[in-house]
Structures are given as structure tokens and as C-alpha cells.
Protein backbone atom coordinates (compact mmCIF):
# COMPACT_ATOMS: atom_id res chain seq x y z
CA GLN A 1 -109.67 -85.63 -98.86
CA VAL A 2 -107.46 -86.84 -96.05
CA GLN A 3 -103.71 -87.29 -96.22
CA LEU A 4 -101.89 -89.62 -93.83
CA VAL A 5 -98.14 -89.87 -93.28
CA GLU A 6 -96.63 -92.54 -91.05
CA SER A 7 -93.25 -92.38 -89.33
CA GLY A 8 -91.33 -94.08 -86.55
CA GLY A 9 -90.56 -97.47 -88.02
CA GLY A 10 -87.14 -99.02 -87.77
CA LEU A 11 -85.09 -101.98 -86.61
CA VAL A 12 -85.33 -103.13 -83.01
CA GLN A 13 -84.39 -106.25 -81.08
CA ALA A 14 -86.99 -108.58 -79.66
CA GLY A 15 -88.36 -107.21 -76.41
CA GLY A 16 -87.74 -103.64 -77.49
CA SER A 17 -90.12 -100.78 -78.23
CA LEU A 18 -91.08 -98.51 -81.09
CA ARG A 19 -93.56 -95.65 -81.35
CA LEU A 20 -95.25 -95.09 -84.65
CA SER A 21 -96.85 -91.80 -85.58
CA CYS A 22 -99.48 -90.94 -88.17
CA ALA A 23 -99.90 -87.29 -89.08
CA ALA A 24 -103.25 -86.43 -90.64
CA SER A 25 -104.01 -83.43 -92.80
CA GLY A 26 -106.80 -82.24 -95.08
CA SER A 27 -110.43 -82.76 -94.07
CA ILE A 28 -109.56 -84.15 -90.67
CA PHE A 29 -112.78 -82.87 -89.09
CA SER A 30 -114.61 -85.53 -91.09
CA ILE A 31 -112.65 -88.48 -89.64
CA VAL A 32 -114.72 -90.63 -87.28
CA ALA A 33 -112.20 -93.40 -86.63
CA MET A 34 -108.55 -94.17 -87.25
CA GLY A 35 -106.51 -97.30 -87.01
CA TRP A 36 -103.29 -99.15 -87.56
CA TYR A 37 -103.01 -102.15 -89.84
CA ARG A 38 -99.97 -104.22 -90.73
CA GLN A 39 -98.85 -106.47 -93.51
CA ALA A 40 -96.07 -108.98 -93.03
CA PRO A 41 -94.19 -110.45 -96.01
CA GLY A 42 -96.35 -112.99 -97.80
CA LYS A 43 -99.38 -112.31 -95.61
CA GLN A 44 -102.58 -110.34 -95.87
CA ARG A 45 -103.01 -106.95 -94.27
CA GLU A 46 -104.48 -107.29 -90.78
CA LEU A 47 -105.99 -105.03 -88.17
CA VAL A 48 -103.73 -104.02 -85.28
CA ALA A 49 -105.75 -101.41 -83.40
CA THR A 50 -108.42 -98.77 -83.90
CA ILE A 51 -109.54 -95.65 -82.07
CA THR A 52 -112.74 -93.68 -82.55
CA ARG A 53 -113.17 -89.93 -82.43
CA GLY A 54 -114.57 -90.42 -78.95
CA GLY A 55 -111.50 -92.33 -77.84
CA LYS A 56 -112.86 -95.90 -77.83
CA THR A 57 -110.10 -98.37 -78.64
CA ASN A 58 -109.97 -101.87 -80.03
CA TYR A 59 -107.01 -104.24 -80.38
CA ALA A 60 -106.16 -107.44 -82.17
CA ASP A 61 -105.70 -110.28 -79.69
CA SER A 62 -102.09 -110.69 -80.80
CA VAL A 63 -101.11 -107.22 -79.56
CA LYS A 64 -103.33 -106.76 -76.50
CA GLY A 65 -101.30 -105.78 -73.47
CA ARG A 66 -98.27 -104.85 -75.58
CA PHE A 67 -99.47 -102.12 -77.95
CA THR A 68 -101.30 -98.90 -77.13
CA ILE A 69 -103.11 -96.72 -79.66
CA SER A 70 -103.70 -93.06 -78.90
CA ARG A 71 -104.39 -89.77 -80.66
CA ASP A 72 -103.51 -86.14 -80.04
CA ASN A 73 -106.29 -84.08 -81.56
CA ASP A 74 -104.38 -80.82 -81.12
CA LYS A 75 -101.54 -82.21 -83.23
CA ASN A 76 -103.79 -84.16 -85.62
CA THR A 77 -101.61 -87.16 -84.93
CA MET A 78 -102.28 -90.77 -84.00
CA TYR A 79 -99.71 -92.99 -82.28
CA LEU A 80 -99.02 -96.66 -81.77
CA GLN A 81 -96.77 -97.44 -78.84
CA MET A 82 -95.38 -100.92 -79.34
CA ASN A 83 -93.71 -102.62 -76.38
CA GLY A 84 -92.47 -106.16 -75.93
CA LEU A 85 -91.93 -106.51 -79.64
CA LYS A 86 -91.61 -109.97 -81.15
CA PRO A 87 -90.11 -111.06 -84.49
CA GLU A 88 -93.64 -111.87 -85.66
CA ASP A 89 -94.51 -108.18 -85.31
CA THR A 90 -92.23 -107.46 -88.26
CA ALA A 91 -94.39 -105.83 -90.92
CA VAL A 92 -95.20 -102.68 -92.80
CA TYR A 93 -97.55 -100.70 -90.59
CA TYR A 94 -100.24 -98.62 -92.27
CA CYS A 95 -102.31 -95.77 -90.90
CA ASN A 96 -105.99 -95.72 -91.80
CA ALA A 97 -108.73 -93.12 -91.43
CA TYR A 98 -112.46 -93.57 -91.99
CA VAL A 99 -114.75 -90.78 -93.11
CA ALA A 100 -118.35 -91.77 -92.46
CA GLY A 101 -119.98 -89.08 -94.61
CA THR A 102 -118.50 -90.52 -97.79
CA ALA A 103 -117.89 -94.03 -96.44
CA THR A 104 -114.27 -93.67 -97.52
CA TYR A 105 -111.14 -95.24 -96.09
CA TYR A 106 -107.86 -93.40 -96.51
CA TRP A 107 -104.45 -95.02 -96.21
CA GLY A 108 -100.92 -93.88 -95.63
CA LYS A 109 -97.98 -95.35 -97.50
CA GLY A 110 -96.75 -97.33 -94.52
CA THR A 111 -93.68 -97.55 -92.32
CA LEU A 112 -91.57 -100.67 -91.87
CA ALA A 113 -90.94 -102.11 -88.42
CA THR A 114 -88.43 -104.93 -88.22
CA VAL A 115 -87.92 -106.96 -85.05
CA SER A 116 -84.81 -109.10 -84.88
CA SER A 117 -84.56 -112.21 -82.71
């Protein structure tokens, strides 16, 4: 089992920055990849960025050049640095972890980021 807890959401003006954190606990040695997803009101959940255990990253086109995903293995924490925020970035941001051995995805409860125009 893996537990994920997000933090760092809030209200920011357009052009501002936020840093989201995702603290992982439990069977963290079994995680092979982690990621951030978001769900805006009335829309489906979408991929924002992913990072593998080896550090390979992947981003949605809509956030490339503005968002940076990273992880601190010593702290068992993943981050999402969001710069140049736009109102369309407003969403609940969810942390995700994938365990290959059981082919299981774990999710956090989400943190809300609101960008005002």
C-alpha cells in the first residue's frame, strides 16, 4: 500500500507561481513512477507531468516550459513547480503513484489551485 498526501495549493494571480508537494508513505520502494494530474470543473482528469524512478520526465504540451516536476527521494516527496500560471490552470491537482509489481495506481485526495485573472 502507498499513501499520498498533496499540499501547496492556493489562490494566486495570473502570472504567479505555486509549488505543490506530494508526500509518499508506505511501500514507497515499490513505486516505479509518479505523476501529477489535474481536474478542472466540468472536465475530465488530465495528465500534467510524470517522473520515473530514474528521473525521466514527461509533460503535457499545455504546461511545457512553465511547470517542472521533481522528486526528493530522501524526503519521499514529489514536487510540481508551477510558474507563469494562467486561469486555465485552475483545477484540483492530484498526485499519482504507479506500482509495477501489482499494476496498481494510487491517488492522493488532491489540492486545489485557483488562478485569478
